[in-house]
Amino acid sequence: MARIPLKQLLVDDPKKVLVLDGGQGTELENRGIKVANPVWSTIPFISESFWSDESSANRKIVKEMFNDFLAAGAEILMTITYQTSFKSVSENTPSKLWQHTIIF
């Protein structure tokens, strides 16, 4: 599926109703990821294995969740990291995950 900018979708068909994905936090919980944390739905992304291991459990869960949203008719997928900020991550995750971050 090609990525089409939202602006282009609206220009091409201004009366089209666009379908967003579903309740991601609930869906992550239903699939076994505990998001009860101040960084909430960022939890899958703060594990080093998420980024370094294509077969990580959290990575598979997130990918399957998005694929299921698409299969159900979603036309727009949102990121699930809106709770992410340097402050929230640095205060609520193990320091080894962010200790190399440089602030300018």
PDB file of N, CA and C in Angstrom:
ATOM      1  N   MET A   1       0.847  -1.179   0.000  1.00  0.00           N
ATOM      2  CA  MET A   1       0.000   0.000   0.000  1.00  0.00           C
ATOM      3  C   MET A   1       0.889   1.238   0.000  1.00  0.00           C
ATOM      4  N   ALA A   2       0.642   2.129  -0.929  1.00  0.00           N
ATOM      5  CA  ALA A   2       1.417   3.358  -1.027  1.00  0.00           C
ATOM      6  C   ALA A   2       1.000   4.351   0.051  1.00  0.00           C
ATOM      7  N   ARG A   3       1.971   5.083   0.566  1.00  0.00           N
ATOM      8  CA  ARG A   3       1.679   6.142   1.535  1.00  0.00           C
ATOM      9  C   ARG A   3       1.286   7.400   0.778  1.00  0.00           C
ATOM     10  N   ILE A   4       0.125   7.911   1.069  1.00  0.00           N
ATOM     11  CA  ILE A   4      -0.379   9.113   0.419  1.00  0.00           C
ATOM     12  C   ILE A   4      -0.504  10.193   1.485  1.00  0.00           C
ATOM     13  N   PRO A   5       0.069  11.360   1.265  1.00  0.00           N
ATOM     14  CA  PRO A   5      -0.051  12.430   2.258  1.00  0.00           C
ATOM     15  C   PRO A   5      -1.518  12.768   2.531  1.00  0.00           C
ATOM     16  N   LEU A   6      -1.832  13.029   3.787  1.00  0.00           N
ATOM     17  CA  LEU A   6      -3.202  13.358   4.185  1.00  0.00           C
ATOM     18  C   LEU A   6      -3.744  14.535   3.376  1.00  0.00           C
ATOM     19  N   LYS A   7      -2.925  15.543   3.175  1.00  0.00           N
ATOM     20  CA  LYS A   7      -3.371  16.707   2.404  1.00  0.00           C
ATOM     21  C   LYS A   7      -3.832  16.279   1.010  1.00  0.00           C
ATOM     22  N   GLN A   8      -3.102  15.367   0.394  1.00  0.00           N
ATOM     23  CA  GLN A   8      -3.473  14.900  -0.943  1.00  0.00           C
ATOM     24  C   GLN A   8      -4.803  14.161  -0.918  1.00  0.00           C
ATOM     25  N   LEU A   9      -5.019  13.331   0.107  1.00  0.00           N
ATOM     26  CA  LEU A   9      -6.309  12.634   0.233  1.00  0.00           C
ATOM     27  C   LEU A   9      -7.462  13.620   0.309  1.00  0.00           C
ATOM     28  N   LEU A  10      -7.270  14.689   1.063  1.00  0.00           N
ATOM     29  CA  LEU A  10      -8.328  15.682   1.236  1.00  0.00           C
ATOM     30  C   LEU A  10      -8.541  16.509  -0.022  1.00  0.00           C
ATOM     31  N   VAL A  11      -7.472  16.791  -0.755  1.00  0.00           N
ATOM     32  CA  VAL A  11      -7.595  17.542  -2.007  1.00  0.00           C
ATOM     33  C   VAL A  11      -8.287  16.693  -3.064  1.00  0.00           C
ATOM     34  N   ASP A  12      -7.897  15.431  -3.171  1.00  0.00           N
ATOM     35  CA  ASP A  12      -8.466  14.541  -4.186  1.00  0.00           C
ATOM     36  C   ASP A  12      -9.956  14.312  -3.998  1.00  0.00           C
ATOM     37  N   ASP A  13     -10.392  14.208  -2.756  1.00  0.00           N
ATOM     38  CA  ASP A  13     -11.804  13.927  -2.488  1.00  0.00           C
ATOM     39  C   ASP A  13     -12.200  14.562  -1.157  1.00  0.00           C
ATOM     40  N   PRO A  14     -12.520  15.859  -1.175  1.00  0.00           N
ATOM     41  CA  PRO A  14     -12.795  16.585   0.064  1.00  0.00           C
ATOM     42  C   PRO A  14     -14.007  16.074   0.845  1.00  0.00           C
ATOM     43  N   LYS A  15     -14.873  15.297   0.211  1.00  0.00           N
ATOM     44  CA  LYS A  15     -16.056  14.779   0.911  1.00  0.00           C
ATOM     45  C   LYS A  15     -15.850  13.359   1.431  1.00  0.00           C
ATOM     46  N   LYS A  16     -14.689  12.777   1.153  1.00  0.00           N
ATOM     47  CA  LYS A  16     -14.417  11.407   1.573  1.00  0.00           C
ATOM     48  C   LYS A  16     -14.297  11.331   3.094  1.00  0.00           C
ATOM     49  N   VAL A  17     -14.887  10.316   3.658  1.00  0.00           N
ATOM     50  CA  VAL A  17     -14.745  10.040   5.088  1.00  0.00           C
ATOM     51  C   VAL A  17     -13.544   9.113   5.252  1.00  0.00           C
ATOM     52  N   LEU A  18     -12.572   9.551   6.020  1.00  0.00           N
ATOM     53  CA  LEU A  18     -11.368   8.753   6.240  1.00  0.00           C
ATOM     54  C   LEU A  18     -11.508   7.976   7.542  1.00  0.00           C
ATOM     55  N   VAL A  19     -11.110   6.724   7.525  1.00  0.00           N
ATOM     56  CA  VAL A  19     -11.230   5.858   8.696  1.00  0.00           C
ATOM     57  C   VAL A  19      -9.883   5.766   9.395  1.00  0.00           C
ATOM     58  N   LEU A  20      -9.859   6.154  10.675  1.00  0.00           N
ATOM     59  CA  LEU A  20      -8.642   6.052  11.485  1.00  0.00           C
ATOM     60  C   LEU A  20      -8.554   4.671  12.111  1.00  0.00           C
ATOM     61  N   ASP A  21      -7.363   4.361  12.599  1.00  0.00           N
ATOM     62  CA  ASP A  21      -7.178   3.096  13.304  1.00  0.00           C
ATOM     63  C   ASP A  21      -7.941   3.109  14.625  1.00  0.00           C
ATOM     64  N   GLY A  22      -7.854   2.030  15.370  1.00  0.00           N
ATOM     65  CA  GLY A  22      -8.658   1.871  16.582  1.00  0.00           C
ATOM     66  C   GLY A  22      -7.963   2.282  17.864  1.00  0.00           C
ATOM     67  N   GLY A  23      -8.507   1.821  18.979  1.00  0.00           N
ATOM     68  CA  GLY A  23      -7.987   2.123  20.306  1.00  0.00           C
ATOM     69  C   GLY A  23      -6.689   1.378  20.566  1.00  0.00           C
ATOM     70  N   GLN A  24      -5.591   2.045  20.343  1.00  0.00           N
ATOM     71  CA  GLN A  24      -4.306   1.375  20.400  1.00  0.00           C
ATOM     72  C   GLN A  24      -3.900   0.935  21.801  1.00  0.00           C
ATOM     73  N   GLY A  25      -4.128   1.759  22.802  1.00  0.00           N
ATOM     74  CA  GLY A  25      -3.765   1.361  24.163  1.00  0.00           C
ATOM     75  C   GLY A  25      -4.509   0.120  24.597  1.00  0.00           C
ATOM     76  N   THR A  26      -5.801   0.103  24.347  1.00  0.00           N
ATOM     77  CA  THR A  26      -6.617  -1.068  24.684  1.00  0.00           C
ATOM     78  C   THR A  26      -6.157  -2.281  23.901  1.00  0.00           C
ATOM     79  N   GLU A  27      -5.858  -2.080  22.639  1.00  0.00           N
ATOM     80  CA  GLU A  27      -5.435  -3.204  21.802  1.00  0.00           C
ATOM     81  C   GLU A  27      -4.080  -3.746  22.235  1.00  0.00           C
ATOM     82  N   LEU A  28      -3.167  -2.863  22.626  1.00  0.00           N
ATOM     83  CA  LEU A  28      -1.877  -3.334  23.146  1.00  0.00           C
ATOM     84  C   LEU A  28      -2.087  -4.169  24.406  1.00  0.00           C
ATOM     85  N   GLU A  29      -2.944  -3.692  25.301  1.00  0.00           N
ATOM     86  CA  GLU A  29      -3.264  -4.458  26.528  1.00  0.00           C
ATOM     87  C   GLU A  29      -3.872  -5.808  26.175  1.00  0.00           C
ATOM     88  N   ASN A  30      -4.819  -5.817  25.248  1.00  0.00           N
ATOM     89  CA  ASN A  30      -5.467  -7.069  24.850  1.00  0.00           C
ATOM     90  C   ASN A  30      -4.469  -8.067  24.276  1.00  0.00           C
ATOM     91  N   ARG A  31      -3.393  -7.562  23.718  1.00  0.00           N
ATOM     92  CA  ARG A  31      -2.394  -8.424  23.083  1.00  0.00           C
ATOM     93  C   ARG A  31      -1.220  -8.736  24.000  1.00  0.00           C
ATOM     94  N   GLY A  32      -1.298  -8.290  25.255  1.00  0.00           N
ATOM     95  CA  GLY A  32      -0.298  -8.692  26.236  1.00  0.00           C
ATOM     96  C   GLY A  32       0.735  -7.665  26.631  1.00  0.00           C
ATOM     97  N   ILE A  33       0.657  -6.458  26.110  1.00  0.00           N
ATOM     98  CA  ILE A  33       1.604  -5.417  26.502  1.00  0.00           C
ATOM     99  C   ILE A  33       0.953  -4.577  27.595  1.00  0.00           C
ATOM    100  N   LYS A  34       1.590  -4.530  28.737  1.00  0.00           N
ATOM    101  CA  LYS A  34       1.063  -3.754  29.869  1.00  0.00           C
ATOM    102  C   LYS A  34       1.459  -2.289  29.700  1.00  0.00           C
ATOM    103  N   VAL A  35       0.487  -1.433  29.500  1.00  0.00           N
ATOM    104  CA  VAL A  35       0.772  -0.027  29.256  1.00  0.00           C
ATOM    105  C   VAL A  35       0.494   0.856  30.471  1.00  0.00           C
ATOM    106  N   ALA A  36       0.275   0.262  31.629  1.00  0.00           N
ATOM    107  CA  ALA A  36       0.043   1.038  32.856  1.00  0.00           C
ATOM    108  C   ALA A  36       1.380   1.619  33.315  1.00  0.00           C
ATOM    109  N   ASN A  37       1.740   2.753  32.761  1.00  0.00           N
ATOM    110  CA  ASN A  37       3.011   3.401  32.994  1.00  0.00           C
ATOM    111  C   ASN A  37       2.842   4.857  32.581  1.00  0.00           C
ATOM    112  N   PRO A  38       3.578   5.786  33.188  1.00  0.00           N
ATOM    113  CA  PRO A  38       3.442   7.186  32.773  1.00  0.00           C
ATOM    114  C   PRO A  38       3.734   7.440  31.295  1.00  0.00           C
ATOM    115  N   VAL A  39       4.514   6.567  30.646  1.00  0.00           N
ATOM    116  CA  VAL A  39       4.765   6.758  29.218  1.00  0.00           C
ATOM    117  C   VAL A  39       3.791   5.968  28.361  1.00  0.00           C
ATOM    118  N   TRP A  40       2.847   5.317  28.989  1.00  0.00           N
ATOM    119  CA  TRP A  40       1.694   4.641  28.409  1.00  0.00           C
ATOM    120  C   TRP A  40       2.040   3.844  27.167  1.00  0.00           C
ATOM    121  N   SER A  41       1.527   4.237  26.033  1.00  0.00           N
ATOM    122  CA  SER A  41       1.673   3.429  24.823  1.00  0.00           C
ATOM    123  C   SER A  41       3.065   3.499  24.204  1.00  0.00           C
ATOM    124  N   THR A  42       3.972   4.211  24.826  1.00  0.00           N
ATOM    125  CA  THR A  42       5.359   4.225  24.377  1.00  0.00           C
ATOM    126  C   THR A  42       6.078   2.959  24.832  1.00  0.00           C
ATOM    127  N   ILE A  43       5.509   2.249  25.777  1.00  0.00           N
ATOM    128  CA  ILE A  43       6.130   1.056  26.365  1.00  0.00           C
ATOM    129  C   ILE A  43       6.738   0.109  25.331  1.00  0.00           C
ATOM    130  N   PRO A  44       6.044  -0.250  24.248  1.00  0.00           N
ATOM    131  CA  PRO A  44       6.667  -1.199  23.315  1.00  0.00           C
ATOM    132  C   PRO A  44       7.969  -0.678  22.709  1.00  0.00           C
ATOM    133  N   PHE A  45       8.107   0.627  22.603  1.00  0.00           N
ATOM    134  CA  PHE A  45       9.225   1.226  21.892  1.00  0.00           C
ATOM    135  C   PHE A  45      10.451   1.505  22.752  1.00  0.00           C
ATOM    136  N   ILE A  46      10.345   1.348  24.060  1.00  0.00           N
ATOM    137  CA  ILE A  46      11.481   1.680  24.925  1.00  0.00           C
ATOM    138  C   ILE A  46      12.406   0.500  25.185  1.00  0.00           C
ATOM    139  N   SER A  47      12.061  -0.630  24.656  1.00  0.00           N
ATOM    140  CA  SER A  47      12.918  -1.808  24.778  1.00  0.00           C
ATOM    141  C   SER A  47      13.948  -1.795  23.653  1.00  0.00           C
ATOM    142  N   GLU A  48      15.206  -1.991  23.994  1.00  0.00           N
ATOM    143  CA  GLU A  48      16.245  -2.031  22.971  1.00  0.00           C
ATOM    144  C   GLU A  48      15.966  -3.122  21.945  1.00  0.00           C
ATOM    145  N   SER A  49      15.396  -4.242  22.407  1.00  0.00           N
ATOM    146  CA  SER A  49      15.125  -5.350  21.485  1.00  0.00           C
ATOM    147  C   SER A  49      14.077  -4.982  20.432  1.00  0.00           C
ATOM    148  N   PHE A  50      13.185  -4.036  20.754  1.00  0.00           N
ATOM    149  CA  PHE A  50      12.199  -3.605  19.759  1.00  0.00           C
ATOM    150  C   PHE A  50      12.904  -3.119  18.502  1.00  0.00           C
ATOM    151  N   TRP A  51      14.004  -2.407  18.685  1.00  0.00           N
ATOM    152  CA  TRP A  51      14.717  -1.793  17.574  1.00  0.00           C
ATOM    153  C   TRP A  51      15.794  -2.693  16.986  1.00  0.00           C
ATOM    154  N   SER A  52      16.373  -3.564  17.803  1.00  0.00           N
ATOM    155  CA  SER A  52      17.504  -4.354  17.323  1.00  0.00           C
ATOM    156  C   SER A  52      17.136  -5.765  16.875  1.00  0.00           C
ATOM    157  N   ASP A  53      15.970  -6.249  17.279  1.00  0.00           N
ATOM    158  CA  ASP A  53      15.587  -7.629  16.987  1.00  0.00           C
ATOM    159  C   ASP A  53      14.249  -7.646  16.259  1.00  0.00           C
ATOM    160  N   GLU A  54      14.294  -7.973  14.965  1.00  0.00           N
ATOM    161  CA  GLU A  54      13.060  -7.971  14.174  1.00  0.00           C
ATOM    162  C   GLU A  54      12.036  -8.980  14.678  1.00  0.00           C
ATOM    163  N   SER A  55      12.470  -9.947  15.472  1.00  0.00           N
ATOM    164  CA  SER A  55      11.537 -10.952  15.984  1.00  0.00           C
ATOM    165  C   SER A  55      11.111 -10.676  17.423  1.00  0.00           C
ATOM    166  N   SER A  56      11.389  -9.451  17.929  1.00  0.00           N
ATOM    167  CA  SER A  56      10.993  -9.157  19.311  1.00  0.00           C
ATOM    168  C   SER A  56       9.472  -9.251  19.454  1.00  0.00           C
ATOM    169  N   ALA A  57       9.028  -9.728  20.598  1.00  0.00           N
ATOM    170  CA  ALA A  57       7.597  -9.933  20.831  1.00  0.00           C
ATOM    171  C   ALA A  57       6.812  -8.629  20.695  1.00  0.00           C
ATOM    172  N   ASN A  58       7.318  -7.547  21.296  1.00  0.00           N
ATOM    173  CA  ASN A  58       6.602  -6.270  21.219  1.00  0.00           C
ATOM    174  C   ASN A  58       6.522  -5.751  19.794  1.00  0.00           C
ATOM    175  N   ARG A  59       7.586  -5.928  19.047  1.00  0.00           N
ATOM    176  CA  ARG A  59       7.589  -5.485  17.652  1.00  0.00           C
ATOM    177  C   ARG A  59       6.541  -6.246  16.846  1.00  0.00           C
ATOM    178  N   LYS A  60       6.463  -7.549  17.065  1.00  0.00           N
ATOM    179  CA  LYS A  60       5.459  -8.364  16.377  1.00  0.00           C
ATOM    180  C   LYS A  60       4.048  -7.915  16.752  1.00  0.00           C
ATOM    181  N   ILE A  61       3.833  -7.654  18.026  1.00  0.00           N
ATOM    182  CA  ILE A  61       2.501  -7.236  18.488  1.00  0.00           C
ATOM    183  C   ILE A  61       2.091  -5.922  17.840  1.00  0.00           C
ATOM    184  N   VAL A  62       2.980  -4.945  17.830  1.00  0.00           N
ATOM    185  CA  VAL A  62       2.664  -3.639  17.232  1.00  0.00           C
ATOM    186  C   VAL A  62       2.393  -3.794  15.736  1.00  0.00           C
ATOM    187  N   LYS A  63       3.214  -4.554  15.045  1.00  0.00           N
ATOM    188  CA  LYS A  63       3.020  -4.756  13.603  1.00  0.00           C
ATOM    189  C   LYS A  63       1.692  -5.453  13.322  1.00  0.00           C
ATOM    190  N   GLU A  64       1.390  -6.503  14.090  1.00  0.00           N
ATOM    191  CA  GLU A  64       0.122  -7.214  13.902  1.00  0.00           C
ATOM    192  C   GLU A  64      -1.073  -6.310  14.198  1.00  0.00           C
ATOM    193  N   MET A  65      -0.948  -5.474  15.227  1.00  0.00           N
ATOM    194  CA  MET A  65      -2.031  -4.558  15.574  1.00  0.00           C
ATOM    195  C   MET A  65      -2.322  -3.620  14.396  1.00  0.00           C
ATOM    196  N   PHE A  66      -1.274  -3.005  13.846  1.00  0.00           N
ATOM    197  CA  PHE A  66      -1.475  -2.094  12.725  1.00  0.00           C
ATOM    198  C   PHE A  66      -2.010  -2.829  11.502  1.00  0.00           C
ATOM    199  N   ASN A  67      -1.505  -4.012  11.223  1.00  0.00           N
ATOM    200  CA  ASN A  67      -2.016  -4.796  10.090  1.00  0.00           C
ATOM    201  C   ASN A  67      -3.494  -5.137  10.288  1.00  0.00           C
ATOM    202  N   ASP A  68      -3.890  -5.454  11.512  1.00  0.00           N
ATOM    203  CA  ASP A  68      -5.303  -5.742  11.792  1.00  0.00           C
ATOM    204  C   ASP A  68      -6.172  -4.507  11.612  1.00  0.00           C
ATOM    205  N   PHE A  69      -5.660  -3.338  12.006  1.00  0.00           N
ATOM    206  CA  PHE A  69      -6.408  -2.101  11.778  1.00  0.00           C
ATOM    207  C   PHE A  69      -6.626  -1.878  10.277  1.00  0.00           C
ATOM    208  N   LEU A  70      -5.571  -2.107   9.488  1.00  0.00           N
ATOM    209  CA  LEU A  70      -5.696  -1.954   8.034  1.00  0.00           C
ATOM    210  C   LEU A  70      -6.696  -2.953   7.466  1.00  0.00           C
ATOM    211  N   ALA A  71      -6.621  -4.197   7.930  1.00  0.00           N
ATOM    212  CA  ALA A  71      -7.535  -5.236   7.444  1.00  0.00           C
ATOM    213  C   ALA A  71      -8.982  -4.912   7.801  1.00  0.00           C
ATOM    214  N   ALA A  72      -9.180  -4.180   8.898  1.00  0.00           N
ATOM    215  CA  ALA A  72     -10.527  -3.809   9.331  1.00  0.00           C
ATOM    216  C   ALA A  72     -11.043  -2.562   8.607  1.00  0.00           C
ATOM    217  N   GLY A  73     -10.206  -1.980   7.739  1.00  0.00           N
ATOM    218  CA  GLY A  73     -10.662  -0.840   6.954  1.00  0.00           C
ATOM    219  C   GLY A  73     -10.035   0.492   7.288  1.00  0.00           C
ATOM    220  N   ALA A  74      -9.097   0.529   8.227  1.00  0.00           N
ATOM    221  CA  ALA A  74      -8.443   1.805   8.545  1.00  0.00           C
ATOM    222  C   ALA A  74      -7.665   2.301   7.336  1.00  0.00           C
ATOM    223  N   GLU A  75      -7.754   3.595   7.103  1.00  0.00           N
ATOM    224  CA  GLU A  75      -7.022   4.216   6.003  1.00  0.00           C
ATOM    225  C   GLU A  75      -5.896   5.101   6.524  1.00  0.00           C
ATOM    226  N   ILE A  76      -5.949   5.408   7.809  1.00  0.00           N
ATOM    227  CA  ILE A  76      -4.942   6.251   8.437  1.00  0.00           C
ATOM    228  C   ILE A  76      -4.489   5.563   9.717  1.00  0.00           C
ATOM    229  N   LEU A  77      -3.177   5.435   9.870  1.00  0.00           N
ATOM    230  CA  LEU A  77      -2.595   4.878  11.087  1.00  0.00           C
ATOM    231  C   LEU A  77      -1.873   5.996  11.823  1.00  0.00           C
ATOM    232  N   MET A  78      -2.143   6.121  13.108  1.00  0.00           N
ATOM    233  CA  MET A  78      -1.496   7.146  13.921  1.00  0.00           C
ATOM    234  C   MET A  78      -0.340   6.523  14.692  1.00  0.00           C
ATOM    235  N   THR A  79       0.616   7.350  15.066  1.00  0.00           N
ATOM    236  CA  THR A  79       1.659   6.846  15.955  1.00  0.00           C
ATOM    237  C   THR A  79       1.051   6.695  17.340  1.00  0.00           C
ATOM    238  N   ILE A  80       1.631   5.833  18.118  1.00  0.00           N
ATOM    239  CA  ILE A  80       1.099   5.612  19.462  1.00  0.00           C
ATOM    240  C   ILE A  80       2.089   6.098  20.508  1.00  0.00           C
ATOM    241  N   THR A  81       2.775   7.164  20.180  1.00  0.00           N
ATOM    242  CA  THR A  81       3.828   7.656  21.059  1.00  0.00           C
ATOM    243  C   THR A  81       3.584   9.074  21.559  1.00  0.00           C
ATOM    244  N   TYR A  82       2.346   9.506  21.613  1.00  0.00           N
ATOM    245  CA  TYR A  82       2.115  10.896  21.987  1.00  0.00           C
ATOM    246  C   TYR A  82       2.497  11.199  23.428  1.00  0.00           C
ATOM    247  N   GLN A  83       2.658  10.202  24.276  1.00  0.00           N
ATOM    248  CA  GLN A  83       3.116  10.420  25.651  1.00  0.00           C
ATOM    249  C   GLN A  83       4.635  10.580  25.709  1.00  0.00           C
ATOM    250  N   THR A  84       5.291  10.410  24.587  1.00  0.00           N
ATOM    251  CA  THR A  84       6.742  10.432  24.559  1.00  0.00           C
ATOM    252  C   THR A  84       7.276  11.852  24.536  1.00  0.00           C
ATOM    253  N   SER A  85       8.119  12.120  25.473  1.00  0.00           N
ATOM    254  CA  SER A  85       8.912  13.342  25.496  1.00  0.00           C
ATOM    255  C   SER A  85      10.202  12.960  26.205  1.00  0.00           C
ATOM    256  N   PHE A  86      11.233  13.744  26.038  1.00  0.00           N
ATOM    257  CA  PHE A  86      12.479  13.417  26.728  1.00  0.00           C
ATOM    258  C   PHE A  86      12.234  13.335  28.229  1.00  0.00           C
ATOM    259  N   LYS A  87      11.474  14.284  28.757  1.00  0.00           N
ATOM    260  CA  LYS A  87      11.206  14.328  30.191  1.00  0.00           C
ATOM    261  C   LYS A  87      10.485  13.066  30.659  1.00  0.00           C
ATOM    262  N   SER A  88       9.407  12.684  29.992  1.00  0.00           N
ATOM    263  CA  SER A  88       8.641  11.522  30.453  1.00  0.00           C
ATOM    264  C   SER A  88       9.432  10.235  30.315  1.00  0.00           C
ATOM    265  N   VAL A  89      10.168  10.080  29.225  1.00  0.00           N
ATOM    266  CA  VAL A  89      10.946   8.861  29.039  1.00  0.00           C
ATOM    267  C   VAL A  89      12.111   8.808  30.021  1.00  0.00           C
ATOM    268  N   SER A  90      12.813   9.915  30.194  1.00  0.00           N
ATOM    269  CA  SER A  90      13.971   9.899  31.089  1.00  0.00           C
ATOM    270  C   SER A  90      13.566   9.698  32.548  1.00  0.00           C
ATOM    271  N   GLU A  91      12.394  10.130  32.918  1.00  0.00           N
ATOM    272  CA  GLU A  91      11.936   9.969  34.299  1.00  0.00           C
ATOM    273  C   GLU A  91      11.274   8.614  34.565  1.00  0.00           C
ATOM    274  N   ASN A  92      10.864   7.905  33.518  1.00  0.00           N
ATOM    275  CA  ASN A  92      10.051   6.708  33.731  1.00  0.00           C
ATOM    276  C   ASN A  92      10.561   5.447  33.050  1.00  0.00           C
ATOM    277  N   THR A  93      11.786   5.473  32.569  1.00  0.00           N
ATOM    278  CA  THR A  93      12.362   4.287  31.951  1.00  0.00           C
ATOM    279  C   THR A  93      13.784   4.107  32.463  1.00  0.00           C
ATOM    280  N   PRO A  94      14.329   2.910  32.330  1.00  0.00           N
ATOM    281  CA  PRO A  94      15.707   2.699  32.778  1.00  0.00           C
ATOM    282  C   PRO A  94      16.674   3.647  32.081  1.00  0.00           C
ATOM    283  N   SER A  95      17.604   4.208  32.825  1.00  0.00           N
ATOM    284  CA  SER A  95      18.507   5.226  32.278  1.00  0.00           C
ATOM    285  C   SER A  95      19.354   4.715  31.130  1.00  0.00           C
ATOM    286  N   LYS A  96      19.649   3.421  31.064  1.00  0.00           N
ATOM    287  CA  LYS A  96      20.501   2.927  29.979  1.00  0.00           C
ATOM    288  C   LYS A  96      19.869   3.127  28.606  1.00  0.00           C
ATOM    289  N   LEU A  97      18.552   3.321  28.572  1.00  0.00           N
ATOM    290  CA  LEU A  97      17.883   3.509  27.278  1.00  0.00           C
ATOM    291  C   LEU A  97      18.091   4.906  26.715  1.00  0.00           C
ATOM    292  N   TRP A  98      18.385   5.864  27.564  1.00  0.00           N
ATOM    293  CA  TRP A  98      18.491   7.234  27.065  1.00  0.00           C
ATOM    294  C   TRP A  98      19.765   7.932  27.489  1.00  0.00           C
ATOM    295  N   GLN A  99      20.679   7.235  28.153  1.00  0.00           N
ATOM    296  CA  GLN A  99      21.851   7.887  28.711  1.00  0.00           C
ATOM    297  C   GLN A  99      22.797   8.483  27.664  1.00  0.00           C
ATOM    298  N   HIS A 100      22.700   8.038  26.418  1.00  0.00           N
ATOM    299  CA  HIS A 100      23.568   8.561  25.376  1.00  0.00           C
ATOM    300  C   HIS A 100      22.932   9.700  24.600  1.00  0.00           C
ATOM    301  N   THR A 101      21.759  10.117  25.002  1.00  0.00           N
ATOM    302  CA  THR A 101      21.076  11.205  24.320  1.00  0.00           C
ATOM    303  C   THR A 101      21.803  12.520  24.581  1.00  0.00           C
ATOM    304  N   ILE A 102      21.974  13.304  23.542  1.00  0.00           N
ATOM    305  CA  ILE A 102      22.622  14.606  23.675  1.00  0.00           C
ATOM    306  C   ILE A 102      21.551  15.674  23.528  1.00  0.00           C
ATOM    307  N   ILE A 103      21.529  16.605  24.449  1.00  0.00           N
ATOM    308  CA  ILE A 103      20.572  17.701  24.384  1.00  0.00           C
ATOM    309  C   ILE A 103      21.297  18.947  23.909  1.00  0.00           C
ATOM    310  N   PHE A 104      20.759  19.572  22.877  1.00  0.00           N
ATOM    311  CA  PHE A 104      21.354  20.792  22.343  1.00  0.00           C
ATOM    312  C   PHE A 104      20.591  21.984  22.817  1.00  0.00           C
TER     313      PHE A 104
END
